[in-house]
Protein backbone atom coordinates (compact mmCIF):
# COMPACT_ATOMS: atom_id res chain seq x y z
CA MET A 1 -73.50 -40.61 44.04
CA ILE A 2 -70.69 -43.01 44.82
CA SER A 3 -68.46 -41.37 42.22
CA LYS A 4 -68.95 -37.95 43.86
CA PHE A 5 -68.10 -39.48 47.21
CA LEU A 6 -64.97 -41.13 45.80
CA SER A 7 -63.80 -37.93 44.10
CA LYS A 8 -64.24 -35.97 47.34
CA LEU A 9 -62.41 -38.67 49.23
CA LYS A 10 -59.54 -38.60 46.71
CA SER A 11 -59.28 -34.84 46.96
CA ILE A 12 -59.11 -35.02 50.74
CA LEU A 13 -56.65 -37.92 50.86
CA PHE A 14 -54.36 -36.67 48.13
CA LYS A 15 -54.46 -33.03 49.12
CA SER A 16 -50.80 -33.21 50.17
CA ALA A 17 -49.87 -34.07 46.58
CA VAL A 18 -51.37 -30.76 45.42
CA THR A 19 -49.70 -28.52 48.02
CA PRO A 20 -46.18 -28.56 46.52
CA GLU A 21 -47.50 -26.64 43.54
CA THR A 22 -48.83 -23.84 45.69
CA PRO A 23 -45.42 -22.72 47.06
CA LEU A 24 -44.03 -22.70 43.54
CA LYS A 25 -46.75 -20.30 42.49
CA LYS A 26 -45.92 -18.11 45.46
CA GLU A 27 -42.22 -18.18 44.55
CA LYS A 28 -43.02 -17.14 41.00
CA LYS A 29 -45.14 -14.26 42.28
CA ALA A 30 -42.38 -13.23 44.69
CA ALA A 31 -39.81 -13.29 41.90
CA LYS A 32 -42.11 -11.26 39.69
CA SER A 33 -42.68 -8.65 42.41
CA ALA A 34 -38.92 -8.49 43.07
CA LYS A 35 -38.36 -7.62 39.41
CA THR A 36 -41.01 -4.93 39.63
CA LYS A 37 -39.39 -3.48 42.76
CA THR A 38 -36.00 -3.42 41.06
CA LYS A 39 -37.46 -1.56 38.08
CA THR A 40 -39.20 0.87 40.42
CA LYS A 41 -35.97 1.52 42.33
CA ALA A 42 -34.11 2.13 39.09
CA VAL A 43 -36.76 4.59 37.92
CA ASN A 44 -36.79 6.36 41.29
CA SER A 45 -33.01 6.66 41.39
CA LYS A 46 -32.98 8.11 37.88
CA LYS A 47 -35.65 10.64 38.89
CA ASN A 48 -33.67 11.61 41.98
CA ILE A 49 -30.47 12.02 39.97
CA ASP A 50 -32.31 14.17 37.43
CA THR A 51 -33.66 16.26 40.31
CA LEU A 52 -30.14 16.78 41.65
CA THR A 53 -29.03 18.13 38.27
CA THR A 54 -31.38 21.09 38.78
CA LEU A 55 -29.02 22.39 41.46
CA PRO A 56 -26.68 25.12 40.17
CA GLY A 57 -23.33 23.73 39.08
CA VAL A 58 -24.40 20.10 39.38
CA GLY A 59 -24.13 18.07 36.20
CA ALA A 60 -24.97 14.47 35.48
CA LYS A 61 -21.70 13.05 36.82
CA SER A 62 -21.67 15.01 40.04
CA ALA A 63 -25.39 14.30 40.57
CA LYS A 64 -24.71 10.57 40.26
CA ALA A 65 -21.75 10.87 42.64
CA LEU A 66 -23.87 12.76 45.18
CA TYR A 67 -26.67 10.21 44.88
CA ASP A 68 -24.28 7.30 45.34
CA ALA A 69 -22.78 9.04 48.39
CA GLY A 70 -26.20 9.09 50.05
CA PHE A 71 -27.50 12.54 49.14
CA LYS A 72 -30.80 11.45 47.59
CA THR A 73 -32.67 14.78 47.55
CA ARG A 74 -32.00 18.45 46.91
CA LYS A 75 -32.70 19.22 50.58
CA ALA A 76 -30.13 16.66 51.68
CA VAL A 77 -27.47 18.22 49.48
CA ILE A 78 -28.27 21.77 50.60
CA ALA A 79 -28.37 20.79 54.29
CA ALA A 80 -25.13 18.79 54.17
CA ASP A 81 -21.90 19.98 55.75
CA GLU A 82 -19.14 21.27 53.49
CA LYS A 83 -16.80 18.51 54.64
CA ASP A 84 -19.32 15.81 53.72
CA LEU A 85 -19.83 17.28 50.26
CA LEU A 86 -16.10 17.63 49.65
CA ALA A 87 -15.65 13.96 50.56
CA VAL A 88 -17.72 13.02 47.50
CA SER A 89 -15.63 12.20 44.46
CA GLY A 90 -16.20 14.75 41.69
CA VAL A 91 -17.37 17.55 43.99
CA GLY A 92 -15.00 20.46 44.38
CA ILE A 93 -14.83 23.58 46.51
CA ASN A 94 -16.44 25.79 43.85
CA LEU A 95 -19.49 23.54 43.66
CA VAL A 96 -19.77 23.48 47.43
CA LYS A 97 -19.68 27.28 47.51
CA LYS A 98 -22.48 27.46 44.95
CA LEU A 99 -24.56 25.00 46.94
CA LYS A 100 -24.01 26.83 50.21
CA LYS A 101 -25.35 30.05 48.65
CA LEU A 102 -28.72 28.27 48.35
CA LYS A 103 -29.18 28.09 52.15
């Protein structure tokens, strides 16, 4: 009975010695979830770029350029102004004309 009392007392008194381990576990979990989010973002960006290549006249390079310029979806590309599309490196007037026919 005394040993149980002493062990409880030790756990209460030395609880502060155990708490530094808890934040480390949380940091590890946070780092792990950050890696997962990065992988998810990479997969999503690849899917979005592949989706942009379904537009007529848009290849892999121009799809990547459009995505990097902020046009993440087909709707965004179709709804964009001609000037905004022409400002993207790798997008020319002929491609813009093809895209504007989709409206």
